[in-house]
């Protein structure tokens, strides 16, 4: 009885109802919510505490940022269903939350533009990004080991950057495609692949949230040091799973959790690494079986550790 009353009290406030509608199906930073609601972060935090106590949201600290995600489906689903049913039946309520979703779209568009501008300005220095973490040779050897011996079918490298992953694995693939949003990165990747003699490999523009590929169209997908630039990592992995064929594999290579807060500004990192439970949970939600393929500890005191996660799609789809 107490939890039911707590739920009704939590959703009985306009701001908390707006927050609930915003975070359904996605994870948002507290700062994003404050910006969209045009309220102070302390005020938003108080609302979030009430929602969390009712089991409607969960909060996770990552460095100086706190991310908010929907609570357990057993609680959230009936609450959201009830809100949707009421909104559909009441005059003028059908577009409940639409204005906030539009503002969210603008917040994320502004953030994506900032990331794109950073990449455009630093494309030629991209290899320096790799100096943040474990030995690149060790990471590449671990990637090769995670995929095993033999052919890897149709390969897609999401966020290909300078094309290094295509260069590393392209000879084992039936076809190889590198996708990136940044034109300067694509120019560098084309030159690199031409120099490597990988004439069958190609690169093109592509968004990790909306891949220009048909469902079940590739066998091996890579996300190499890409996910920490994503404001919605779960959506990226779900989109990757969509284009995997039955029996296909998704390899995620990214940073272990860290507290290098300056990287948010200096290199436009949106996430400060990832815990295993977060990535494995997203893989399961995307319909894939997830495992930790390898962990590579930091190569030095100023460097960051790397984890390789493997997501596999059932042979039965």
C-alpha atoms as a PDB file:
ATOM      1  CA  UNK A   1       0.000   0.000   0.000  1.00  0.00           C
ATOM      2  CA  UNK A   2       2.777   2.470   0.936  1.00  0.00           C
ATOM      3  CA  UNK A   3       4.600   2.019  -2.378  1.00  0.00           C
ATOM      4  CA  UNK A   4       1.391   2.538  -4.351  1.00  0.00           C
ATOM      5  CA  UNK A   5       0.722   5.745  -2.437  1.00  0.00           C
ATOM      6  CA  UNK A   6       4.336   6.837  -3.013  1.00  0.00           C
ATOM      7  CA  UNK A   7       3.901   6.285  -6.750  1.00  0.00           C
ATOM      8  CA  UNK A   8       0.715   8.370  -6.862  1.00  0.00           C
ATOM      9  CA  UNK A   9       2.333  11.133  -4.823  1.00  0.00           C
ATOM     10  CA  UNK A  10       5.374  11.084  -7.091  1.00  0.00           C
ATOM     11  CA  UNK A  11       3.442  11.450 -10.353  1.00  0.00           C
ATOM     12  CA  UNK A  12       1.023  13.967  -8.806  1.00  0.00           C
ATOM     13  CA  UNK A  13       3.412  16.850  -9.479  1.00  0.00           C
ATOM     14  CA  UNK A  14       3.653  18.457 -12.964  1.00  0.00           C
ATOM     15  CA  UNK A  15       7.452  18.587 -12.993  1.00  0.00           C
ATOM     16  CA  UNK A  16       7.818  14.982 -11.870  1.00  0.00           C
ATOM     17  CA  UNK A  17       5.310  13.828 -14.468  1.00  0.00           C
ATOM     18  CA  UNK A  18       7.322  15.673 -17.130  1.00  0.00           C
ATOM     19  CA  UNK A  19      10.527  14.005 -15.930  1.00  0.00           C
ATOM     20  CA  UNK A  20       8.887  10.582 -16.008  1.00  0.00           C
ATOM     21  CA  UNK A  21       7.735  11.094 -19.592  1.00  0.00           C
ATOM     22  CA  UNK A  22      11.196  12.317 -20.606  1.00  0.00           C
ATOM     23  CA  UNK A  23      13.188   9.395 -19.234  1.00  0.00           C
ATOM     24  CA  UNK A  24      10.900   6.621 -20.437  1.00  0.00           C
ATOM     25  CA  UNK A  25      12.971   4.446 -22.720  1.00  0.00           C
ATOM     26  CA  UNK A  26      16.180   6.483 -22.372  1.00  0.00           C
ATOM     27  CA  UNK A  27      18.874   7.659 -19.993  1.00  0.00           C
ATOM     28  CA  UNK A  28      19.361  11.394 -19.404  1.00  0.00           C
ATOM     29  CA  UNK A  29      21.844  13.475 -17.456  1.00  0.00           C
ATOM     30  CA  UNK A  30      20.393  15.555 -14.630  1.00  0.00           C
ATOM     31  CA  UNK A  31      21.736  18.655 -16.373  1.00  0.00           C
ATOM     32  CA  UNK A  32      19.807  17.771 -19.519  1.00  0.00           C
ATOM     33  CA  UNK A  33      16.596  17.402 -17.534  1.00  0.00           C
ATOM     34  CA  UNK A  34      17.190  20.738 -15.808  1.00  0.00           C
ATOM     35  CA  UNK A  35      17.828  22.420 -19.148  1.00  0.00           C
ATOM     36  CA  UNK A  36      14.671  21.016 -20.701  1.00  0.00           C
ATOM     37  CA  UNK A  37      12.465  21.814 -17.700  1.00  0.00           C
ATOM     38  CA  UNK A  38      14.205  25.198 -17.299  1.00  0.00           C
ATOM     39  CA  UNK A  39      14.627  24.531 -13.586  1.00  0.00           C
ATOM     40  CA  UNK A  40      17.667  24.579 -11.324  1.00  0.00           C
ATOM     41  CA  UNK A  41      19.595  21.342 -10.832  1.00  0.00           C
ATOM     42  CA  UNK A  42      18.928  21.302  -7.057  1.00  0.00           C
ATOM     43  CA  UNK A  43      15.190  21.528  -7.709  1.00  0.00           C
ATOM     44  CA  UNK A  44      15.343  18.789 -10.322  1.00  0.00           C
ATOM     45  CA  UNK A  45      17.399  16.652  -7.934  1.00  0.00           C
ATOM     46  CA  UNK A  46      14.692  16.937  -5.284  1.00  0.00           C
ATOM     47  CA  UNK A  47      12.093  15.753  -7.798  1.00  0.00           C
ATOM     48  CA  UNK A  48      14.350  12.874  -8.789  1.00  0.00           C
ATOM     49  CA  UNK A  49      14.790  11.809  -5.172  1.00  0.00           C
ATOM     50  CA  UNK A  50      11.005  11.485  -4.807  1.00  0.00           C
ATOM     51  CA  UNK A  51      10.709   9.568  -8.075  1.00  0.00           C
ATOM     52  CA  UNK A  52      13.570   7.260  -7.074  1.00  0.00           C
ATOM     53  CA  UNK A  53      12.034   6.568  -3.658  1.00  0.00           C
ATOM     54  CA  UNK A  54       8.851   5.506  -5.453  1.00  0.00           C
ATOM     55  CA  UNK A  55      10.864   3.151  -7.689  1.00  0.00           C
ATOM     56  CA  UNK A  56      10.046   5.098 -10.848  1.00  0.00           C
ATOM     57  CA  UNK A  57      13.594   6.104 -11.760  1.00  0.00           C
ATOM     58  CA  UNK A  58      17.137   5.036 -10.950  1.00  0.00           C
ATOM     59  CA  UNK A  59      20.163   7.333 -10.635  1.00  0.00           C
ATOM     60  CA  UNK A  60      23.782   6.515 -11.431  1.00  0.00           C
ATOM     61  CA  UNK A  61      26.717   8.820 -10.709  1.00  0.00           C
ATOM     62  CA  UNK A  62      29.465   9.054 -13.307  1.00  0.00           C
ATOM     63  CA  UNK A  63      32.185  11.466 -12.301  1.00  0.00           C
ATOM     64  CA  UNK A  64      30.568  14.849 -11.703  1.00  0.00           C
ATOM     65  CA  UNK A  65      27.466  13.889 -13.685  1.00  0.00           C
ATOM     66  CA  UNK A  66      24.425  11.904 -12.573  1.00  0.00           C
ATOM     67  CA  UNK A  67      22.423   9.947 -15.129  1.00  0.00           C
ATOM     68  CA  UNK A  68      18.764   9.050 -14.717  1.00  0.00           C
ATOM     69  CA  UNK A  69      17.109   6.009 -16.236  1.00  0.00           C
ATOM     70  CA  UNK A  70      13.663   4.411 -15.929  1.00  0.00           C
ATOM     71  CA  UNK A  71      13.011   2.240 -12.910  1.00  0.00           C
ATOM     72  CA  UNK A  72      12.150  -1.473 -13.097  1.00  0.00           C
ATOM     73  CA  UNK A  73       9.700  -2.345 -15.863  1.00  0.00           C
ATOM     74  CA  UNK A  74       7.389  -4.021 -13.350  1.00  0.00           C
ATOM     75  CA  UNK A  75       6.747  -0.601 -11.837  1.00  0.00           C
ATOM     76  CA  UNK A  76       7.244   1.705 -14.789  1.00  0.00           C
ATOM     77  CA  UNK A  77       5.217  -0.168 -17.395  1.00  0.00           C
ATOM     78  CA  UNK A  78       1.806  -0.045 -15.660  1.00  0.00           C
ATOM     79  CA  UNK A  79       2.349   3.570 -14.588  1.00  0.00           C
ATOM     80  CA  UNK A  80       3.242   4.680 -18.117  1.00  0.00           C
ATOM     81  CA  UNK A  81       0.376   2.640 -19.580  1.00  0.00           C
ATOM     82  CA  UNK A  82      -2.059   4.380 -17.222  1.00  0.00           C
ATOM     83  CA  UNK A  83      -0.684   7.813 -18.119  1.00  0.00           C
ATOM     84  CA  UNK A  84      -0.905   7.037 -21.842  1.00  0.00           C
ATOM     85  CA  UNK A  85      -4.488   5.771 -21.498  1.00  0.00           C
ATOM     86  CA  UNK A  86      -5.548   8.893 -19.605  1.00  0.00           C
ATOM     87  CA  UNK A  87      -3.780  11.177 -22.082  1.00  0.00           C
ATOM     88  CA  UNK A  88      -5.583   9.489 -24.970  1.00  0.00           C
ATOM     89  CA  UNK A  89      -8.998   9.850 -23.349  1.00  0.00           C
ATOM     90  CA  UNK A  90      -8.778  13.410 -22.025  1.00  0.00           C
ATOM     91  CA  UNK A  91      -9.305  16.431 -24.304  1.00  0.00           C
ATOM     92  CA  UNK A  92      -6.082  18.233 -25.123  1.00  0.00           C
ATOM     93  CA  UNK A  93      -3.822  15.701 -23.429  1.00  0.00           C
ATOM     94  CA  UNK A  94      -2.895  13.562 -26.443  1.00  0.00           C
ATOM     95  CA  UNK A  95       0.377  15.446 -26.964  1.00  0.00           C
ATOM     96  CA  UNK A  96       1.413  15.233 -23.308  1.00  0.00           C
ATOM     97  CA  UNK A  97       5.152  15.754 -23.081  1.00  0.00           C
ATOM     98  CA  UNK A  98       5.565  16.709 -26.751  1.00  0.00           C
ATOM     99  CA  UNK A  99       7.063  20.143 -26.009  1.00  0.00           C
ATOM    100  CA  UNK A 100       9.641  18.629 -23.644  1.00  0.00           C
ATOM    101  CA  UNK A 101      10.572  15.993 -26.222  1.00  0.00           C
ATOM    102  CA  UNK A 102      11.096  18.740 -28.789  1.00  0.00           C
ATOM    103  CA  UNK A 103      13.392  20.605 -26.384  1.00  0.00           C
ATOM    104  CA  UNK A 104      15.248  17.366 -25.704  1.00  0.00           C
ATOM    105  CA  UNK A 105      15.783  16.983 -29.446  1.00  0.00           C
ATOM    106  CA  UNK A 106      17.290  20.473 -29.605  1.00  0.00           C
ATOM    107  CA  UNK A 107      19.541  19.855 -26.583  1.00  0.00           C
ATOM    108  CA  UNK A 108      20.879  16.703 -28.171  1.00  0.00           C
ATOM    109  CA  UNK A 109      21.240  18.326 -31.601  1.00  0.00           C
ATOM    110  CA  UNK A 110      23.342  21.093 -30.031  1.00  0.00           C
ATOM    111  CA  UNK A 111      25.482  18.513 -28.254  1.00  0.00           C
ATOM    112  CA  UNK A 112      25.958  16.476 -31.455  1.00  0.00           C
ATOM    113  CA  UNK A 113      26.966  19.626 -33.327  1.00  0.00           C
ATOM    114  CA  UNK A 114      29.598  20.373 -30.674  1.00  0.00           C
ATOM    115  CA  UNK A 115      31.000  16.841 -30.974  1.00  0.00           C
ATOM    116  CA  UNK A 116      31.043  17.066 -34.785  1.00  0.00           C
ATOM    117  CA  UNK A 117      32.851  20.401 -34.629  1.00  0.00           C
ATOM    118  CA  UNK A 118      35.470  18.922 -32.295  1.00  0.00           C
ATOM    119  CA  UNK A 119      36.076  16.005 -34.654  1.00  0.00           C
ATOM    120  CA  UNK A 120      36.320  18.313 -37.655  1.00  0.00           C
ATOM    121  CA  UNK A 121      38.979  20.357 -35.853  1.00  0.00           C
ATOM    122  CA  UNK A 122      40.950  17.345 -34.575  1.00  0.00           C
ATOM    123  CA  UNK A 123      40.556  14.689 -37.274  1.00  0.00           C
ATOM    124  CA  UNK A 124      44.242  14.757 -38.136  1.00  0.00           C
ATOM    125  CA  UNK A 125      45.159  14.203 -34.477  1.00  0.00           C
ATOM    126  CA  UNK A 126      42.786  11.289 -33.935  1.00  0.00           C
ATOM    127  CA  UNK A 127      45.559   8.853 -33.078  1.00  0.00           C
ATOM    128  CA  UNK A 128      46.239  10.944 -29.954  1.00  0.00           C
ATOM    129  CA  UNK A 129      42.862   9.790 -28.629  1.00  0.00           C
ATOM    130  CA  UNK A 130      44.319   6.285 -28.510  1.00  0.00           C
ATOM    131  CA  UNK A 131      47.164   7.489 -26.270  1.00  0.00           C
ATOM    132  CA  UNK A 132      44.618   7.775 -23.471  1.00  0.00           C
ATOM    133  CA  UNK A 133      44.387   4.064 -22.951  1.00  0.00           C
ATOM    134  CA  UNK A 134      46.161   0.732 -22.934  1.00  0.00           C
ATOM    135  CA  UNK A 135      48.772  -0.045 -25.565  1.00  0.00           C
ATOM    136  CA  UNK A 136      47.115   0.158 -28.963  1.00  0.00           C
ATOM    137  CA  UNK A 137      49.003  -2.939 -30.101  1.00  0.00           C
ATOM    138  CA  UNK A 138      47.619  -4.862 -27.121  1.00  0.00           C
ATOM    139  CA  UNK A 139      44.082  -3.618 -27.806  1.00  0.00           C
ATOM    140  CA  UNK A 140      44.287  -4.618 -31.451  1.00  0.00           C
ATOM    141  CA  UNK A 141      45.658  -8.053 -30.569  1.00  0.00           C
ATOM    142  CA  UNK A 142      42.758  -8.510 -28.139  1.00  0.00           C
ATOM    143  CA  UNK A 143      40.232  -7.514 -30.815  1.00  0.00           C
ATOM    144  CA  UNK A 144      41.678 -10.065 -33.231  1.00  0.00           C
ATOM    145  CA  UNK A 145      41.626 -12.720 -30.490  1.00  0.00           C
ATOM    146  CA  UNK A 146      38.011 -11.919 -29.570  1.00  0.00           C
ATOM    147  CA  UNK A 147      36.906 -12.541 -33.159  1.00  0.00           C
ATOM    148  CA  UNK A 148      38.860 -15.783 -33.414  1.00  0.00           C
ATOM    149  CA  UNK A 149      40.414 -17.289 -36.515  1.00  0.00           C
ATOM    150  CA  UNK A 150      38.891 -17.417 -39.965  1.00  0.00           C
ATOM    151  CA  UNK A 151      36.579 -15.282 -42.015  1.00  0.00           C
ATOM    152  CA  UNK A 152      34.363 -12.675 -40.371  1.00  0.00           C
ATOM    153  CA  UNK A 153      31.801 -12.203 -43.159  1.00  0.00           C
ATOM    154  CA  UNK A 154      30.408  -8.761 -43.933  1.00  0.00           C
ATOM    155  CA  UNK A 155      32.143  -6.288 -41.607  1.00  0.00           C
ATOM    156  CA  UNK A 156      30.845  -2.872 -40.552  1.00  0.00           C
ATOM    157  CA  UNK A 157      32.920  -0.481 -38.434  1.00  0.00           C
ATOM    158  CA  UNK A 158      30.642   2.123 -36.816  1.00  0.00           C
ATOM    159  CA  UNK A 159      32.408   5.422 -36.159  1.00  0.00           C
ATOM    160  CA  UNK A 160      35.359   4.259 -38.225  1.00  0.00           C
ATOM    161  CA  UNK A 161      37.443   7.396 -37.656  1.00  0.00           C
ATOM    162  CA  UNK A 162      40.700   6.986 -39.570  1.00  0.00           C
ATOM    163  CA  UNK A 163      39.703   3.503 -40.788  1.00  0.00           C
ATOM    164  CA  UNK A 164      42.197   1.600 -38.663  1.00  0.00           C
ATOM    165  CA  UNK A 165      39.786  -1.224 -37.777  1.00  0.00           C
ATOM    166  CA  UNK A 166      38.998  -1.789 -41.452  1.00  0.00           C
ATOM    167  CA  UNK A 167      42.719  -1.821 -42.160  1.00  0.00           C
ATOM    168  CA  UNK A 168      43.256  -4.355 -39.349  1.00  0.00           C
ATOM    169  CA  UNK A 169      40.405  -6.737 -40.227  1.00  0.00           C
ATOM    170  CA  UNK A 170      39.391  -5.973 -43.802  1.00  0.00           C
ATOM    171  CA  UNK A 171      41.416  -8.810 -45.376  1.00  0.00           C
ATOM    172  CA  UNK A 172      39.376 -11.356 -43.355  1.00  0.00           C
ATOM    173  CA  UNK A 173      36.018  -9.911 -44.394  1.00  0.00           C
ATOM    174  CA  UNK A 174      33.786 -10.693 -47.354  1.00  0.00           C
ATOM    175  CA  UNK A 175      33.099  -6.960 -47.486  1.00  0.00           C
ATOM    176  CA  UNK A 176      34.157  -4.092 -45.260  1.00  0.00           C
ATOM    177  CA  UNK A 177      32.309  -0.833 -44.664  1.00  0.00           C
ATOM    178  CA  UNK A 178      33.367   2.044 -42.414  1.00  0.00           C
ATOM    179  CA  UNK A 179      30.729   4.537 -41.277  1.00  0.00           C
ATOM    180  CA  UNK A 180      31.350   7.956 -39.795  1.00  0.00           C
ATOM    181  CA  UNK A 181      29.509  11.270 -39.550  1.00  0.00           C
ATOM    182  CA  UNK A 182      32.582  13.409 -40.052  1.00  0.00           C
ATOM    183  CA  UNK A 183      33.641  14.165 -43.664  1.00  0.00           C
ATOM    184  CA  UNK A 184      37.258  14.873 -42.707  1.00  0.00           C
ATOM    185  CA  UNK A 185      37.522  11.529 -40.894  1.00  0.00           C
ATOM    186  CA  UNK A 186      36.106   9.798 -43.974  1.00  0.00           C
ATOM    187  CA  UNK A 187      38.700  11.503 -46.201  1.00  0.00           C
ATOM    188  CA  UNK A 188      41.534  10.285 -43.948  1.00  0.00           C
ATOM    189  CA  UNK A 189      40.049   6.770 -43.827  1.00  0.00           C
ATOM    190  CA  UNK A 190      39.755   6.569 -47.638  1.00  0.00           C
ATOM    191  CA  UNK A 191      43.381   7.575 -48.060  1.00  0.00           C
ATOM    192  CA  UNK A 192      44.466   5.068 -45.435  1.00  0.00           C
ATOM    193  CA  UNK A 193      42.561   2.166 -46.988  1.00  0.00           C
ATOM    194  CA  UNK A 194      43.808   3.020 -50.478  1.00  0.00           C
ATOM    195  CA  UNK A 195      47.378   3.057 -49.177  1.00  0.00           C
ATOM    196  CA  UNK A 196      46.789  -0.352 -47.556  1.00  0.00           C
ATOM    197  CA  UNK A 197      45.572  -1.782 -50.866  1.00  0.00           C
ATOM    198  CA  UNK A 198      42.104  -2.567 -49.500  1.00  0.00           C
ATOM    199  CA  UNK A 199      40.373  -1.586 -52.705  1.00  0.00           C
ATOM    200  CA  UNK A 200      37.239  -3.618 -51.874  1.00  0.00           C
ATOM    201  CA  UNK A 201      36.712  -1.767 -48.598  1.00  0.00           C
ATOM    202  CA  UNK A 202      34.680   1.429 -48.575  1.00  0.00           C
ATOM    203  CA  UNK A 203      33.655   4.174 -46.235  1.00  0.00           C
ATOM    204  CA  UNK A 204      30.615   6.407 -46.242  1.00  0.00           C
ATOM    205  CA  UNK A 205      28.652   8.808 -44.101  1.00  0.00           C
ATOM    206  CA  UNK A 206      26.527   7.132 -41.448  1.00  0.00           C
ATOM    207  CA  UNK A 207      24.916   7.893 -38.104  1.00  0.00           C
ATOM    208  CA  UNK A 208      25.309   5.343 -35.304  1.00  0.00           C
ATOM    209  CA  UNK A 209      21.704   5.975 -34.220  1.00  0.00           C
ATOM    210  CA  UNK A 210      20.295   5.329 -37.715  1.00  0.00           C
ATOM    211  CA  UNK A 211      22.622   3.068 -39.679  1.00  0.00           C
ATOM    212  CA  UNK A 212      22.181   3.222 -43.480  1.00  0.00           C
ATOM    213  CA  UNK A 213      21.832  -0.561 -43.578  1.00  0.00           C
ATOM    214  CA  UNK A 214      18.995  -3.030 -43.897  1.00  0.00           C
ATOM    215  CA  UNK A 215      18.055  -5.276 -41.013  1.00  0.00           C
ATOM    216  CA  UNK A 216      20.128  -8.467 -40.742  1.00  0.00           C
ATOM    217  CA  UNK A 217      22.661  -7.286 -43.333  1.00  0.00           C
ATOM    218  CA  UNK A 218      26.069  -7.824 -41.687  1.00  0.00           C
ATOM    219  CA  UNK A 219      27.960 -10.492 -39.768  1.00  0.00           C
ATOM    220  CA  UNK A 220      30.466  -8.522 -37.695  1.00  0.00           C
ATOM    221  CA  UNK A 221      30.002  -5.071 -36.198  1.00  0.00           C
ATOM    222  CA  UNK A 222      32.602  -2.981 -34.377  1.00  0.00           C
ATOM    223  CA  UNK A 223      32.196  -0.017 -32.043  1.00  0.00           C
ATOM    224  CA  UNK A 224      35.804   0.876 -31.285  1.00  0.00           C
ATOM    225  CA  UNK A 225      36.184   3.793 -28.840  1.00  0.00           C
ATOM    226  CA  UNK A 226      32.859   5.195 -30.049  1.00  0.00           C
ATOM    227  CA  UNK A 227      30.324   4.521 -27.304  1.00  0.00           C
ATOM    228  CA  UNK A 228      31.721   7.122 -24.899  1.00  0.00           C
ATOM    229  CA  UNK A 229      30.711   9.798 -27.431  1.00  0.00           C
ATOM    230  CA  UNK A 230      27.083   8.598 -27.374  1.00  0.00           C
ATOM    231  CA  UNK A 231      24.450  10.344 -25.289  1.00  0.00           C
ATOM    232  CA  UNK A 232      22.230   7.256 -25.570  1.00  0.00           C
ATOM    233  CA  UNK A 233      24.501   4.166 -25.604  1.00  0.00           C
ATOM    234  CA  UNK A 234      21.545   1.766 -25.292  1.00  0.00           C
ATOM    235  CA  UNK A 235      20.026   3.133 -28.501  1.00  0.00           C
ATOM    236  CA  UNK A 236      23.357   2.731 -30.328  1.00  0.00           C
ATOM    237  CA  UNK A 237      23.607  -0.928 -29.321  1.00  0.00           C
ATOM    238  CA  UNK A 238      19.963  -1.590 -30.202  1.00  0.00           C
ATOM    239  CA  UNK A 239      20.525  -0.125 -33.672  1.00  0.00           C
ATOM    240  CA  UNK A 240      23.665  -2.234 -34.110  1.00  0.00           C
ATOM    241  CA  UNK A 241      21.749  -5.367 -33.117  1.00  0.00           C
ATOM    242  CA  UNK A 242      19.090  -4.538 -35.715  1.00  0.00           C
ATOM    243  CA  UNK A 243      21.536  -4.884 -38.607  1.00  0.00           C
ATOM    244  CA  UNK A 244      23.245  -8.049 -37.327  1.00  0.00           C
ATOM    245  CA  UNK A 245      22.407 -11.326 -39.043  1.00  0.00           C
ATOM    246  CA  UNK A 246      21.480 -14.356 -36.937  1.00  0.00           C
ATOM    247  CA  UNK A 247      24.744 -15.697 -35.571  1.00  0.00           C
ATOM    248  CA  UNK A 248      26.391 -12.303 -36.013  1.00  0.00           C
ATOM    249  CA  UNK A 249      28.694 -10.625 -33.506  1.00  0.00           C
ATOM    250  CA  UNK A 250      29.030  -7.106 -32.139  1.00  0.00           C
ATOM    251  CA  UNK A 251      32.342  -6.108 -30.572  1.00  0.00           C
ATOM    252  CA  UNK A 252      32.340  -3.063 -28.279  1.00  0.00           C
ATOM    253  CA  UNK A 253      35.756  -1.712 -27.344  1.00  0.00           C
ATOM    254  CA  UNK A 254      35.717   1.148 -24.879  1.00  0.00           C
ATOM    255  CA  UNK A 255      37.124   2.642 -21.702  1.00  0.00           C
ATOM    256  CA  UNK A 256      36.735   1.257 -18.220  1.00  0.00           C
ATOM    257  CA  UNK A 257      35.050   3.596 -15.699  1.00  0.00           C
ATOM    258  CA  UNK A 258      37.297   6.518 -14.752  1.00  0.00           C
ATOM    259  CA  UNK A 259      37.180  10.004 -13.231  1.00  0.00           C
ATOM    260  CA  UNK A 260      38.959  12.056 -15.901  1.00  0.00           C
ATOM    261  CA  UNK A 261      36.279  14.753 -15.846  1.00  0.00           C
ATOM    262  CA  UNK A 262      38.351  17.061 -18.074  1.00  0.00           C
ATOM    263  CA  UNK A 263      37.793  14.734 -21.026  1.00  0.00           C
ATOM    264  CA  UNK A 264      34.179  15.900 -21.250  1.00  0.00           C
ATOM    265  CA  UNK A 265      35.451  19.318 -22.352  1.00  0.00           C
ATOM    266  CA  UNK A 266      38.852  18.600 -23.881  1.00  0.00           C
ATOM    267  CA  UNK A 267      37.760  15.643 -26.044  1.00  0.00           C
ATOM    268  CA  UNK A 268      33.963  15.815 -25.923  1.00  0.00           C
ATOM    269  CA  UNK A 269      33.553  12.512 -24.077  1.00  0.00           C
ATOM    270  CA  UNK A 270      29.948  12.210 -22.939  1.00  0.00           C
ATOM    271  CA  UNK A 271      30.520   9.150 -20.759  1.00  0.00           C
ATOM    272  CA  UNK A 272      33.456   8.476 -18.444  1.00  0.00           C
ATOM    273  CA  UNK A 273      33.904   4.839 -19.390  1.00  0.00           C
ATOM    274  CA  UNK A 274      31.520   1.959 -18.783  1.00  0.00           C
ATOM    275  CA  UNK A 275      30.959  -0.668 -16.122  1.00  0.00           C
ATOM    276  CA  UNK A 276      30.468  -4.225 -17.316  1.00  0.00           C
ATOM    277  CA  UNK A 277      26.940  -4.457 -15.926  1.00  0.00           C
ATOM    278  CA  UNK A 278      25.844  -1.411 -17.937  1.00  0.00           C
ATOM    279  CA  UNK A 279      27.129  -2.633 -21.302  1.00  0.00           C
ATOM    280  CA  UNK A 280      26.049  -6.233 -20.731  1.00  0.00           C
ATOM    281  CA  UNK A 281      22.595  -5.013 -19.718  1.00  0.00           C
ATOM    282  CA  UNK A 282      22.262  -2.930 -22.872  1.00  0.00           C
ATOM    283  CA  UNK A 283      23.349  -5.898 -24.991  1.00  0.00           C
ATOM    284  CA  UNK A 284      20.700  -8.108 -23.391  1.00  0.00           C
ATOM    285  CA  UNK A 285      18.065  -5.411 -23.902  1.00  0.00           C
ATOM    286  CA  UNK A 286      19.084  -5.307 -27.574  1.00  0.00           C
ATOM    287  CA  UNK A 287      18.463  -9.051 -27.896  1.00  0.00           C
ATOM    288  CA  UNK A 288      22.085 -10.170 -27.780  1.00  0.00           C
ATOM    289  CA  UNK A 289      23.976 -12.519 -25.488  1.00  0.00           C
ATOM    290  CA  UNK A 290      26.760 -10.471 -23.902  1.00  0.00           C
ATOM    291  CA  UNK A 291      30.110 -11.447 -22.431  1.00  0.00           C
ATOM    292  CA  UNK A 292      33.320  -9.703 -21.403  1.00  0.00           C
ATOM    293  CA  UNK A 293      35.863 -10.835 -23.977  1.00  0.00           C
ATOM    294  CA  UNK A 294      38.884  -9.189 -22.359  1.00  0.00           C
ATOM    295  CA  UNK A 295      39.965  -6.480 -19.933  1.00  0.00           C
ATOM    296  CA  UNK A 296      43.154  -4.533 -20.561  1.00  0.00           C
ATOM    297  CA  UNK A 297      44.381  -2.559 -17.532  1.00  0.00           C
ATOM    298  CA  UNK A 298      45.958   0.868 -17.944  1.00  0.00           C
ATOM    299  CA  UNK A 299      49.410   0.771 -19.521  1.00  0.00           C
ATOM    300  CA  UNK A 300      50.636   3.623 -17.308  1.00  0.00           C
ATOM    301  CA  UNK A 301      49.599   5.987 -14.488  1.00  0.00           C
ATOM    302  CA  UNK A 302      48.147   8.564 -16.907  1.00  0.00           C
ATOM    303  CA  UNK A 303      46.327   6.046 -19.066  1.00  0.00           C
ATOM    304  CA  UNK A 304      42.923   4.379 -18.895  1.00  0.00           C
ATOM    305  CA  UNK A 305      41.897   0.745 -18.971  1.00  0.00           C
ATOM    306  CA  UNK A 306      39.971  -0.797 -21.845  1.00  0.00           C
ATOM    307  CA  UNK A 307      37.298  -3.496 -21.875  1.00  0.00           C
ATOM    308  CA  UNK A 308      36.150  -5.525 -24.869  1.00  0.00           C
ATOM    309  CA  UNK A 309      32.545  -6.751 -24.741  1.00  0.00           C
ATOM    310  CA  UNK A 310      31.146  -9.267 -27.195  1.00  0.00           C
ATOM    311  CA  UNK A 311      27.468  -9.390 -28.123  1.00  0.00           C
ATOM    312  CA  UNK A 312      26.215 -12.408 -30.066  1.00  0.00           C
ATOM    313  CA  UNK A 313      22.950 -12.762 -31.921  1.00  0.00           C
ATOM    314  CA  UNK A 314      21.170 -16.099 -31.688  1.00  0.00           C
ATOM    315  CA  UNK A 315      21.395 -18.262 -34.791  1.00  0.00           C
ATOM    316  CA  UNK A 316      17.613 -18.309 -34.695  1.00  0.00           C
ATOM    317  CA  UNK A 317      17.486 -14.521 -34.866  1.00  0.00           C
END
